[in-house]
Amino acid sequence: MDQLALLFTVLLGAVVSVPVGDRLGLPAPVLMTVFGIALALLPFVPNVDIPPDLILPLLLPPLLYAAVRRTSWRQFAANVRPILLLAVALVFVTTLCVAVVAHAIVPGLPLAAAVALGALVAPPDPVAATAVAGKLGLPRRLVSILEGEGLFNDVTAIVLYHVAIAAAVSGTFSPWRAGLDLVLSAVVAVAVGLALGWGANHLMGLLGDATLQIAMSLLVPFAAYALAEELHGSGVLAVLTTALFLVEYATDADEVMTRLAGHAFWDIVDTLVTGVAFGLVGLELHNALRTAAGHWGELLRWAGAIVGVVVLVRLLWLLPATWLTKRLHSARDLDEEIPVGWREAVVMWWSGMRGVASVALALAIPLQTDAGDAFPVRSEIVFIAFGVIMATLLVQGMTLPWLVKRLGVEADTGREKEYERDLAVRAARAAKRRLREIEEVEELPEELSEQMLRSAFEIGMQINPDMAGDERRESHRQRTRRAKRVRRIRSEMLSAARHEVLAARSEAGADPGVVDRVLRHLDVRSMR
């Protein structure tokens, strides 16, 4: 098997893992990690030949962009306090604790290298958080905080990692320099993200065509990451800033085809790239196995100790952090989504899975220092990192659905339905207001005006039938049944038309361009 065949195998696994995971009740990323491990153990499967410094630039930008599309800047702003406690403060604390323990138990491990180990295992993976937590029917407040933590903690961890690696390679360290690098990295990233977001927004408006706009949306996250890294900024933060800007300002309510096609396109990208990312986590297992040859016992003890530190620190941090956030929330009366009770705090604790970023950072550790010596204890660091990744991703990822069910943590469907009903009422009222504005400038026949008024009400009823009383709901059901019958008959008629047009494509002298244009017209009619 060559590299190309391996890539197609992993892509196929990414597609198949989604329905298999739904059937087994397991997250698809966890299944892809197991699939990657199984492939890595087969003798005819080659080692993955990807330069470590390309893993993050190739995988993180589209995954982060796809995740941000499902949220909004206002949601992040509402949860800024718990997100900062997790994405910044907890990353610092975890890095410090891991560095102290690793420096104490691993012989010959310098403090700077221990900090690098702590930084690369500190951040829960943004893809794992969104892919796993989003499938379990958790309360929206928990999903929002986990997504925010997963998206922003890489910013802190990667900067800490680069500072620690620079200190380990050069043998010198300046706290002031490190702090300045952190601030400059964030400033440059935000500036790059805002500039690219503004430019991409205007360029998409000029392009006009949905296909070109979606193609541009694919290029933008890679451009943001690469440009920010080139200017010594945080590529992750630049992608997040660009994506949040575009989600906030590049959405035109009337660009229906662009929105529908864009959602479908990014769902496909998210599924495939997530599968490749976690398949890669499993495939890279051979690096850890090669490192452990000859001294499995002590390496497993070291890895187990660091896993314990990572898991325990998150628990000990979350319980008081949740309490503190609640107290501040009550005092200031902010509209902030926070965990409610110890059960949700436990679910948040057990959701701290490591993944793609940790793998890439572990493999990117340089082989030599500036003095020409071998990087201290590099093989042991790589093994410990993979031990943390596998333990958190597989053990926590496979048991999280059971834990959620056991604790009875679930989404507040009543609140969601109430919000959906409010939106339905607002949509119907907006349609009625627009109808009245049209009637002020156009003279509509009474019959047409009444029909349009019913249509405005129907807009809300189609979103949420519960917005009306029993009598209106029954009338709506009758009209819906009639409409379904009309749509079924129309669908069969359009199907016959499409088959006829497709048959004409194979006839002698047929113009494929004309046939495809007519077929697209019929396809658009079918979507109405």
Protein backbone atom coordinates (compact mmCIF):
# COMPACT_ATOMS: atom_id res chain seq x y z
CA MET A 1 0.00 0.00 0.00
CA ASP A 2 1.38 3.42 -0.94
CA GLN A 3 0.66 6.83 0.61
CA LEU A 4 -2.15 7.67 -1.85
CA ALA A 5 -3.95 4.39 -1.20
CA LEU A 6 -3.60 4.99 2.54
CA LEU A 7 -5.15 8.47 2.17
CA PHE A 8 -8.16 7.10 0.28
CA THR A 9 -8.56 4.35 2.87
CA VAL A 10 -8.65 6.91 5.67
CA LEU A 11 -11.12 9.10 3.74
CA LEU A 12 -13.40 6.10 3.23
CA GLY A 13 -13.14 5.37 6.93
CA ALA A 14 -14.09 8.96 7.71
CA VAL A 15 -17.33 8.57 5.76
CA VAL A 16 -18.20 5.12 7.13
CA SER A 17 -17.38 6.02 10.75
CA VAL A 18 -20.29 8.48 10.96
CA PRO A 19 -23.18 5.99 10.52
CA VAL A 20 -21.25 3.26 12.39
CA GLY A 21 -20.69 5.65 15.29
CA ASP A 22 -24.38 6.59 15.33
CA ARG A 23 -25.31 2.90 15.44
CA LEU A 24 -22.82 2.05 18.20
CA GLY A 25 -23.40 5.24 20.17
CA LEU A 26 -19.73 6.24 19.91
CA PRO A 27 -18.23 9.47 18.53
CA ALA A 28 -16.86 9.16 14.99
CA PRO A 29 -13.46 10.74 15.93
CA VAL A 30 -12.90 7.99 18.50
CA LEU A 31 -13.72 5.31 15.94
CA MET A 32 -11.34 6.92 13.45
CA THR A 33 -8.57 6.89 16.04
CA VAL A 34 -9.15 3.16 16.62
CA PHE A 35 -9.21 2.64 12.84
CA GLY A 36 -5.90 4.49 12.51
CA ILE A 37 -4.34 2.35 15.26
CA ALA A 38 -5.52 -0.81 13.50
CA LEU A 39 -3.99 0.40 10.22
CA ALA A 40 -0.72 1.31 11.96
CA LEU A 41 -0.37 -2.23 13.29
CA LEU A 42 -0.75 -3.84 9.85
CA PRO A 43 2.65 -4.73 8.33
CA PHE A 44 1.75 -3.68 4.78
CA VAL A 45 0.56 -0.19 5.78
CA PRO A 46 3.35 2.40 5.32
CA ASN A 47 4.36 4.98 7.89
CA VAL A 48 2.67 8.33 7.34
CA ASP A 49 5.00 10.54 5.34
CA ILE A 50 3.81 14.03 6.36
CA PRO A 51 6.27 16.63 7.64
CA PRO A 52 5.19 17.47 11.23
CA ASP A 53 5.31 21.21 10.52
CA LEU A 54 2.58 20.77 7.90
CA ILE A 55 0.06 18.89 10.06
CA LEU A 56 -1.39 21.93 11.84
CA PRO A 57 -1.44 24.26 8.78
CA LEU A 58 -3.21 21.61 6.69
CA LEU A 59 -5.74 20.31 9.22
CA LEU A 60 -6.55 23.02 11.77
CA PRO A 61 -7.69 25.92 9.50
CA PRO A 62 -10.65 24.13 7.86
CA LEU A 63 -11.63 22.41 11.11
CA LEU A 64 -11.60 25.65 13.09
CA TYR A 65 -13.48 27.52 10.36
CA ALA A 66 -16.15 24.81 10.18
CA ALA A 67 -16.56 24.86 13.96
CA VAL A 68 -16.88 28.65 14.14
CA ARG A 69 -19.61 28.60 11.47
CA ARG A 70 -21.82 26.85 14.01
CA THR A 71 -21.50 29.60 16.58
CA SER A 72 -21.31 33.40 16.78
CA TRP A 73 -19.27 36.20 18.29
CA ARG A 74 -22.12 37.09 20.66
CA GLN A 75 -22.14 33.55 22.03
CA PHE A 76 -18.41 33.74 22.73
CA ALA A 77 -18.81 37.18 24.32
CA ALA A 78 -21.58 35.87 26.58
CA ASN A 79 -19.31 33.08 27.81
CA VAL A 80 -16.00 34.95 27.85
CA ARG A 81 -15.38 34.40 31.57
CA PRO A 82 -15.68 30.57 31.70
CA ILE A 83 -13.90 30.30 28.34
CA LEU A 84 -10.95 32.37 29.58
CA LEU A 85 -10.80 30.34 32.79
CA LEU A 86 -10.50 27.18 30.70
CA ALA A 87 -8.73 28.27 27.53
CA VAL A 88 -6.10 30.50 29.14
CA ALA A 89 -5.83 30.02 32.89
CA LEU A 90 -6.31 26.23 32.90
CA VAL A 91 -3.78 25.80 30.08
CA PHE A 92 -1.18 27.72 32.13
CA VAL A 93 -1.94 25.73 35.28
CA THR A 94 -1.88 22.37 33.47
CA THR A 95 1.38 23.25 31.73
CA LEU A 96 2.97 24.20 35.06
CA CYS A 97 1.79 21.08 36.91
CA VAL A 98 2.84 18.71 34.11
CA ALA A 99 6.23 20.42 33.83
CA VAL A 100 6.91 20.09 37.58
CA VAL A 101 5.92 16.41 37.71
CA ALA A 102 7.71 15.46 34.47
CA HIS A 103 10.87 17.30 35.52
CA ALA A 104 10.81 15.37 38.81
CA ILE A 105 10.18 11.84 37.50
CA VAL A 106 11.91 11.74 34.07
CA PRO A 107 15.71 11.61 34.47
CA GLY A 108 17.62 14.14 32.41
CA LEU A 109 14.54 16.17 31.39
CA PRO A 110 15.37 19.91 31.52
CA LEU A 111 12.74 22.29 32.85
CA ALA A 112 12.29 24.01 29.46
CA ALA A 113 11.64 20.67 27.74
CA ALA A 114 9.25 19.73 30.56
CA VAL A 115 7.33 22.97 29.95
CA ALA A 116 7.15 22.09 26.24
CA LEU A 117 5.66 18.70 27.20
CA GLY A 118 3.16 20.42 29.48
CA ALA A 119 2.15 22.90 26.79
CA LEU A 120 1.56 20.27 24.12
CA VAL A 121 -0.63 18.04 26.35
CA ALA A 122 -2.45 20.92 28.10
CA PRO A 123 -5.10 21.90 25.51
CA PRO A 124 -8.14 19.67 24.92
CA ASP A 125 -8.57 19.24 21.19
CA PRO A 126 -11.01 21.68 19.53
CA VAL A 127 -12.16 19.08 17.01
CA ALA A 128 -12.72 16.40 19.65
CA ALA A 129 -14.67 18.82 21.84
CA THR A 130 -17.06 19.92 19.09
CA ALA A 131 -17.36 16.53 17.38
CA VAL A 132 -17.91 14.50 20.55
CA ALA A 133 -19.85 16.89 22.78
CA GLY A 134 -22.09 18.06 19.95
CA LYS A 135 -23.40 14.54 19.30
CA LEU A 136 -24.46 13.71 22.87
CA GLY A 137 -27.47 15.98 23.30
CA LEU A 138 -25.75 18.05 25.99
CA PRO A 139 -27.21 21.34 27.21
CA ARG A 140 -26.37 24.15 24.84
CA ARG A 141 -24.52 26.05 27.58
CA LEU A 142 -22.08 23.14 28.00
CA VAL A 143 -21.51 22.73 24.27
CA SER A 144 -20.89 26.49 23.93
CA ILE A 145 -18.27 26.51 26.68
CA LEU A 146 -16.55 23.35 25.42
CA GLU A 147 -16.45 24.73 21.87
CA GLY A 148 -15.08 28.04 23.09
CA GLU A 149 -12.44 26.33 25.21
CA GLY A 150 -11.42 23.99 22.40
CA LEU A 151 -11.17 26.79 19.86
CA PHE A 152 -9.15 29.23 21.97
CA ASN A 153 -6.93 27.05 24.16
CA ASP A 154 -4.63 26.17 21.25
CA VAL A 155 -3.71 29.85 21.01
CA THR A 156 -2.28 29.82 24.54
CA ALA A 157 -0.74 26.35 24.32
CA ILE A 158 1.04 26.85 21.01
CA VAL A 159 2.63 30.12 22.13
CA LEU A 160 3.80 28.49 25.39
CA TYR A 161 5.13 25.53 23.40
CA HIS A 162 7.17 27.72 21.05
CA VAL A 163 8.60 29.73 23.95
CA ALA A 164 9.60 26.55 25.79
CA ILE A 165 11.13 24.96 22.67
CA ALA A 166 13.12 28.11 21.97
CA ALA A 167 14.44 28.07 25.54
CA ALA A 168 15.32 24.37 25.34
CA VAL A 169 17.09 24.75 21.99
CA SER A 170 19.00 27.95 22.78
CA GLY A 171 19.57 27.35 26.48
CA THR A 172 18.34 30.84 27.41
CA PHE A 173 14.98 32.12 28.65
CA SER A 174 13.63 35.61 29.32
CA PRO A 175 10.22 35.93 31.05
CA TRP A 176 9.80 39.46 29.68
CA ARG A 177 10.56 38.26 26.18
CA ALA A 178 8.12 35.39 26.55
CA GLY A 179 5.35 37.72 27.76
CA LEU A 180 6.03 40.16 24.94
CA ASP A 181 5.92 37.32 22.39
CA LEU A 182 2.53 36.21 23.74
CA VAL A 183 1.05 39.70 23.48
CA LEU A 184 2.52 40.43 20.04
CA SER A 185 1.37 37.04 18.75
CA ALA A 186 -2.21 37.83 19.79
CA VAL A 187 -2.14 41.40 18.42
CA VAL A 188 -0.73 40.32 15.05
CA ALA A 189 -3.23 37.46 14.78
CA VAL A 190 -6.25 39.67 15.51
CA ALA A 191 -5.04 42.32 13.05
CA VAL A 192 -4.48 39.72 10.31
CA GLY A 193 -7.83 38.07 11.03
CA LEU A 194 -9.79 41.32 10.89
CA ALA A 195 -8.02 42.51 7.74
CA LEU A 196 -8.55 39.21 5.90
CA GLY A 197 -12.13 38.97 7.14
CA TRP A 198 -12.90 42.49 5.86
CA GLY A 199 -11.17 41.85 2.52
CA ALA A 200 -12.77 38.42 2.02
CA ASN A 201 -16.22 39.82 2.84
CA HIS A 202 -15.91 42.53 0.17
CA LEU A 203 -14.40 40.14 -2.37
CA MET A 204 -17.21 37.63 -1.88
CA GLY A 205 -19.69 40.43 -2.52
CA LEU A 206 -17.94 41.25 -5.79
CA LEU A 207 -17.82 37.61 -6.90
CA GLY A 208 -21.58 37.20 -6.58
CA ASP A 209 -21.64 33.56 -7.75
CA ALA A 210 -22.33 31.01 -5.00
CA THR A 211 -19.72 28.55 -6.28
CA LEU A 212 -16.97 31.18 -6.26
CA GLN A 213 -18.01 32.47 -2.84
CA ILE A 214 -17.81 28.99 -1.33
CA ALA A 215 -14.43 28.41 -3.00
CA MET A 216 -13.22 31.65 -1.46
CA SER A 217 -14.45 30.55 1.97
CA LEU A 218 -12.24 27.46 1.65
CA LEU A 219 -9.13 29.51 0.87
CA VAL A 220 -9.63 32.15 3.56
CA PRO A 221 -8.80 30.05 6.68
CA PHE A 222 -5.58 28.73 5.11
CA ALA A 223 -4.57 32.26 4.09
CA ALA A 224 -5.27 33.59 7.60
CA TYR A 225 -3.21 30.85 9.25
CA ALA A 226 -0.25 31.12 6.87
CA LEU A 227 -0.10 34.94 6.88
CA ALA A 228 -0.30 35.19 10.67
CA GLU A 229 2.42 32.55 11.15
CA GLU A 230 4.61 34.34 8.59
CA LEU A 231 4.27 37.54 10.65
CA HIS A 232 5.02 35.65 13.90
CA GLY A 233 1.42 35.76 15.05
CA SER A 234 -0.91 33.00 16.17
CA GLY A 235 -2.31 31.23 13.13
CA VAL A 236 -5.08 29.66 15.21
CA LEU A 237 -6.27 33.01 16.59
CA ALA A 238 -6.10 34.57 13.10
CA VAL A 239 -8.37 31.83 11.70
CA LEU A 240 -10.82 32.25 14.59
CA THR A 241 -10.90 36.04 14.16
CA THR A 242 -11.45 35.80 10.41
CA ALA A 243 -14.16 33.16 10.79
CA LEU A 244 -16.02 35.10 13.50
CA PHE A 245 -15.88 38.26 11.38
CA LEU A 246 -17.31 36.48 8.33
CA VAL A 247 -20.01 34.70 10.34
CA GLU A 248 -21.06 38.06 11.79
CA TYR A 249 -20.88 40.28 8.68
CA ALA A 250 -20.84 38.12 5.55
CA THR A 251 -24.31 36.64 5.97
CA ASP A 252 -26.88 38.05 3.56
CA ALA A 253 -30.37 36.89 4.48
CA ASP A 254 -31.41 36.70 0.81
CA GLU A 255 -28.43 34.61 -0.45
CA VAL A 256 -30.37 31.38 -0.03
CA MET A 257 -28.47 29.21 -2.51
CA THR A 258 -25.08 30.32 -1.17
CA ARG A 259 -26.14 29.53 2.38
CA LEU A 260 -27.61 26.10 1.57
CA ALA A 261 -24.70 25.08 -0.66
CA GLY A 262 -22.19 26.49 1.85
CA HIS A 263 -23.64 24.48 4.72
CA ALA A 264 -23.55 21.28 2.66
CA PHE A 265 -19.99 21.96 1.47
CA TRP A 266 -18.61 22.67 4.95
CA ASP A 267 -20.39 19.64 6.42
CA ILE A 268 -18.53 17.50 3.88
CA VAL A 269 -15.21 19.23 4.59
CA ASP A 270 -15.72 18.87 8.34
CA THR A 271 -16.51 15.15 8.07
CA LEU A 272 -13.56 14.31 5.81
CA VAL A 273 -10.91 16.45 7.51
CA THR A 274 -12.00 15.35 10.99
CA GLY A 275 -11.72 11.73 9.88
CA VAL A 276 -8.26 12.29 8.41
CA ALA A 277 -7.11 14.18 11.52
CA PHE A 278 -8.08 11.48 13.98
CA GLY A 279 -7.03 8.70 11.64
CA LEU A 280 -3.63 10.39 11.61
CA VAL A 281 -3.58 10.35 15.42
CA GLY A 282 -3.91 6.58 15.33
CA LEU A 283 -1.50 6.09 12.42
CA GLU A 284 1.23 8.02 14.22
CA LEU A 285 1.19 5.37 16.96
CA HIS A 286 4.23 3.76 15.36
CA ASN A 287 6.35 6.68 16.57
CA ALA A 288 5.46 5.93 20.16
CA LEU A 289 5.89 2.17 19.74
CA ARG A 290 9.32 2.63 18.20
CA THR A 291 10.33 4.87 21.11
CA ALA A 292 9.21 2.39 23.77
CA ALA A 293 11.20 -0.55 22.43
CA GLY A 294 13.26 -1.97 25.28
CA HIS A 295 11.92 0.06 28.23
CA TRP A 296 8.16 -0.21 28.20
CA GLY A 297 7.78 -0.34 31.96
CA GLU A 298 9.23 3.00 32.95
CA LEU A 299 7.77 4.81 29.93
CA LEU A 300 4.29 3.54 30.75
CA ARG A 301 4.72 4.64 34.39
CA TRP A 302 5.79 8.12 33.32
CA ALA A 303 2.94 8.39 30.82
CA GLY A 304 0.44 7.16 33.42
CA ALA A 305 1.65 9.77 35.92
CA ILE A 306 1.26 12.60 33.38
CA VAL A 307 -2.20 11.33 32.38
CA GLY A 308 -3.16 11.41 36.05
CA VAL A 309 -1.86 14.97 36.41
CA VAL A 310 -3.73 16.19 33.31
CA VAL A 311 -7.02 14.60 34.34
CA LEU A 312 -6.78 15.52 38.03
CA VAL A 313 -5.77 19.15 37.42
CA ARG A 314 -8.78 19.64 35.15
CA LEU A 315 -11.13 18.29 37.82
CA LEU A 316 -9.58 20.31 40.66
CA TRP A 317 -9.70 23.43 38.50
CA LEU A 318 -13.25 23.01 37.21
CA LEU A 319 -15.03 22.61 40.54
CA PRO A 320 -13.89 25.92 42.11
CA ALA A 321 -13.91 27.69 38.71
CA THR A 322 -17.55 26.71 38.21
CA TRP A 323 -18.41 27.93 41.72
CA LEU A 324 -16.56 31.22 41.16
CA THR A 325 -18.24 31.79 37.80
CA LYS A 326 -21.63 31.18 39.41
CA ARG A 327 -20.93 33.70 42.16
CA LEU A 328 -19.78 36.36 39.71
CA HIS A 329 -22.72 35.54 37.46
CA SER A 330 -25.21 36.10 40.29
CA ALA A 331 -23.50 39.26 41.45
CA ARG A 332 -23.48 40.93 38.05
CA ASP A 333 -26.67 39.34 36.69
CA LEU A 334 -25.10 38.67 33.28
CA ASP A 335 -26.78 36.65 30.56
CA GLU A 336 -24.08 34.04 30.70
CA GLU A 337 -24.31 30.31 30.07
CA ILE A 338 -22.64 28.42 32.91
CA PRO A 339 -22.67 24.80 34.13
CA VAL A 340 -25.51 24.05 36.52
CA GLY A 341 -24.61 21.65 39.33
CA TRP A 342 -21.83 19.16 39.85
CA ARG A 343 -23.12 16.77 37.17
CA GLU A 344 -22.49 19.22 34.35
CA ALA A 345 -19.09 20.08 35.87
CA VAL A 346 -18.19 16.36 35.83
CA VAL A 347 -19.22 16.07 32.17
CA MET A 348 -17.06 19.09 31.34
CA TRP A 349 -14.17 17.48 33.22
CA TRP A 350 -14.45 14.18 31.35
CA SER A 351 -14.73 15.99 27.99
CA GLY A 352 -11.09 17.15 28.04
CA MET A 353 -9.80 14.92 25.24
CA ARG A 354 -6.48 15.63 23.53
CA GLY A 355 -5.94 15.12 19.80
CA VAL A 356 -4.56 16.57 16.60
CA ALA A 357 -2.77 19.64 17.95
CA SER A 358 -0.94 17.60 20.60
CA VAL A 359 0.20 15.06 17.99
CA ALA A 360 1.50 17.74 15.65
CA LEU A 361 3.35 19.59 18.41
CA ALA A 362 4.92 16.39 19.75
CA LEU A 363 6.18 15.37 16.31
CA ALA A 364 7.44 18.91 15.61
CA ILE A 365 9.94 18.87 18.51
CA PRO A 366 13.35 19.52 16.90
CA LEU A 367 15.94 16.78 16.77
CA GLN A 368 18.85 18.99 17.83
CA THR A 369 19.64 22.07 19.91
CA ASP A 370 21.53 25.11 18.64
CA ALA A 371 24.72 23.63 20.07
CA GLY A 372 24.36 20.58 17.85
CA ASP A 373 23.42 18.22 20.68
CA ALA A 374 20.41 15.91 20.53
CA PHE A 375 17.23 17.48 21.93
CA PRO A 376 17.07 16.25 25.53
CA VAL A 377 14.85 13.22 26.13
CA ARG A 378 12.92 13.83 22.88
CA SER A 379 11.83 10.19 22.41
CA GLU A 380 10.47 9.99 25.95
CA ILE A 381 8.54 13.25 25.49
CA VAL A 382 6.93 11.90 22.29
CA PHE A 383 5.91 8.65 24.01
CA ILE A 384 4.44 10.42 27.04
CA ALA A 385 2.53 12.80 24.75
CA PHE A 386 1.02 9.89 22.82
CA GLY A 387 0.15 8.17 26.07
CA VAL A 388 -1.85 11.22 27.17
CA ILE A 389 -3.53 11.54 23.77
CA MET A 390 -4.55 7.88 23.58
CA ALA A 391 -5.69 7.66 27.18
CA THR A 392 -7.84 10.79 27.06
CA LEU A 393 -9.18 10.31 23.56
CA LEU A 394 -9.99 6.60 23.75
CA VAL A 395 -10.87 6.12 27.42
CA GLN A 396 -12.71 9.39 27.92
CA GLY A 397 -14.11 9.51 24.40
CA MET A 398 -15.55 5.98 24.57
CA THR A 399 -16.97 6.35 28.09
CA LEU A 400 -18.31 9.90 27.80
CA PRO A 401 -21.66 8.81 26.23
CA TRP A 402 -22.17 6.35 29.12
CA LEU A 403 -21.26 9.00 31.70
CA VAL A 404 -23.64 11.57 30.19
CA LYS A 405 -26.47 9.03 30.25
CA ARG A 406 -25.60 7.86 33.76
CA LEU A 407 -25.60 11.40 35.17
CA GLY A 408 -28.76 12.34 33.31
CA VAL A 409 -27.26 15.44 31.73
CA GLU A 410 -29.31 16.43 28.71
CA ALA A 411 -30.37 19.44 26.70
CA ASP A 412 -33.20 21.65 27.94
CA THR A 413 -35.55 20.84 25.06
CA GLY A 414 -38.37 22.85 26.60
CA ARG A 415 -36.29 26.02 26.56
CA GLU A 416 -35.18 25.34 22.97
CA LYS A 417 -38.77 24.81 21.83
CA GLU A 418 -39.85 28.01 23.55
CA TYR A 419 -37.08 29.93 21.81
CA GLU A 420 -38.03 28.33 18.49
CA ARG A 421 -41.63 29.41 19.05
CA ASP A 422 -40.53 32.98 19.78
CA LEU A 423 -38.52 33.02 16.55
CA ALA A 424 -41.51 31.69 14.64
CA VAL A 425 -43.69 34.50 16.00
CA ARG A 426 -41.03 37.09 15.13
CA ALA A 427 -40.71 35.70 11.60
CA ALA A 428 -44.48 35.81 11.05
CA ARG A 429 -44.70 39.37 12.40
CA ALA A 430 -41.85 40.50 10.17
CA ALA A 431 -43.64 39.02 7.15
CA LYS A 432 -46.87 40.81 8.13
CA ARG A 433 -45.06 44.12 8.58
CA ARG A 434 -43.57 43.80 5.13
CA LEU A 435 -46.99 43.00 3.69
CA ARG A 436 -48.43 46.17 5.24
CA GLU A 437 -45.54 48.21 3.79
CA ILE A 438 -46.25 46.78 0.34
CA GLU A 439 -49.98 47.55 0.69
CA GLU A 440 -49.15 51.19 1.44
CA VAL A 441 -47.48 51.62 -1.97
CA GLU A 442 -49.39 49.02 -4.01
CA GLU A 443 -53.11 48.48 -4.31
CA LEU A 444 -53.71 44.77 -3.75
CA PRO A 445 -57.06 43.05 -4.39
CA GLU A 446 -58.79 42.09 -1.15
CA GLU A 447 -58.63 38.39 -2.00
CA LEU A 448 -54.89 38.56 -2.71
CA SER A 449 -54.28 40.59 0.46
CA GLU A 450 -56.07 37.99 2.59
CA GLN A 451 -54.16 35.20 0.88
CA MET A 452 -50.83 36.92 1.55
CA LEU A 453 -51.82 37.53 5.18
CA ARG A 454 -52.50 33.80 5.59
CA SER A 455 -49.14 33.10 3.94
CA ALA A 456 -47.41 35.35 6.49
CA PHE A 457 -49.02 33.37 9.29
CA GLU A 458 -48.10 30.11 7.56
CA ILE A 459 -44.42 31.14 7.64
CA GLY A 460 -44.48 31.01 11.42
CA MET A 461 -46.63 27.88 11.53
CA GLN A 462 -44.18 26.00 9.32
CA ILE A 463 -41.38 26.84 11.76
CA ASN A 464 -43.35 25.96 14.88
CA PRO A 465 -46.98 24.80 14.71
CA ASP A 466 -47.38 25.37 18.47
CA MET A 467 -47.48 29.15 17.98
CA ALA A 468 -51.20 28.97 17.15
CA GLY A 469 -54.28 27.80 19.02
CA ASP A 470 -55.92 24.36 18.59
CA GLU A 471 -58.39 25.51 15.92
CA ARG A 472 -55.71 27.18 13.82
CA ARG A 473 -53.38 24.22 14.29
CA GLU A 474 -56.02 21.84 12.96
CA SER A 475 -56.66 24.14 9.99
CA HIS A 476 -52.90 24.29 9.40
CA ARG A 477 -52.68 20.47 9.51
CA GLN A 478 -55.41 20.16 6.89
CA ARG A 479 -53.69 22.67 4.61
CA THR A 480 -50.38 20.91 5.21
CA ARG A 481 -51.86 17.56 4.17
CA ARG A 482 -53.23 19.13 0.99
CA ALA A 483 -49.91 20.84 0.33
CA LYS A 484 -48.03 17.55 0.81
CA ARG A 485 -50.30 15.88 -1.71
CA VAL A 486 -49.73 18.70 -4.20
CA ARG A 487 -45.95 18.52 -3.61
CA ARG A 488 -45.99 14.73 -4.10
CA ILE A 489 -47.80 15.02 -7.41
CA ARG A 490 -45.59 17.92 -8.52
CA SER A 491 -42.50 15.94 -7.47
CA GLU A 492 -43.54 12.97 -9.60
CA MET A 493 -44.21 15.28 -12.56
CA LEU A 494 -40.79 16.94 -12.17
CA SER A 495 -39.16 13.52 -11.83
CA ALA A 496 -40.66 12.46 -15.16
CA ALA A 497 -39.41 15.71 -16.70
CA ARG A 498 -35.88 15.15 -15.36
CA HIS A 499 -35.76 11.59 -16.67
CA GLU A 500 -36.83 12.80 -20.10
CA VAL A 501 -34.18 15.53 -20.16
CA LEU A 502 -31.48 13.11 -18.97
CA ALA A 503 -32.47 10.63 -21.67
CA ALA A 504 -32.06 13.41 -24.25
CA ARG A 505 -28.42 13.82 -23.14
CA SER A 506 -27.58 10.44 -24.69
CA GLU A 507 -29.28 11.18 -28.02
CA ALA A 508 -27.24 11.86 -31.14
CA GLY A 509 -26.57 15.56 -31.68
CA ALA A 510 -27.59 16.55 -28.14
CA ASP A 511 -25.83 19.58 -26.66
CA PRO A 512 -24.73 18.60 -23.10
CA GLY A 513 -24.47 22.24 -22.06
CA VAL A 514 -28.09 22.97 -22.97
CA VAL A 515 -29.25 19.72 -21.35
CA ASP A 516 -27.42 20.53 -18.10
CA ARG A 517 -28.82 24.06 -18.06
CA VAL A 518 -32.40 22.75 -18.43
CA LEU A 519 -31.70 20.09 -15.80
CA ARG A 520 -30.45 22.72 -13.32
CA HIS A 521 -33.64 24.69 -13.92
CA LEU A 522 -35.70 21.60 -13.08
CA ASP A 523 -33.54 20.88 -10.00
CA VAL A 524 -34.12 24.41 -8.69
CA ARG A 525 -37.87 24.01 -9.28
CA SER A 526 -37.72 20.74 -7.31
CA MET A 527 -36.26 22.50 -4.27
CA ARG A 528 -39.10 25.01 -3.99
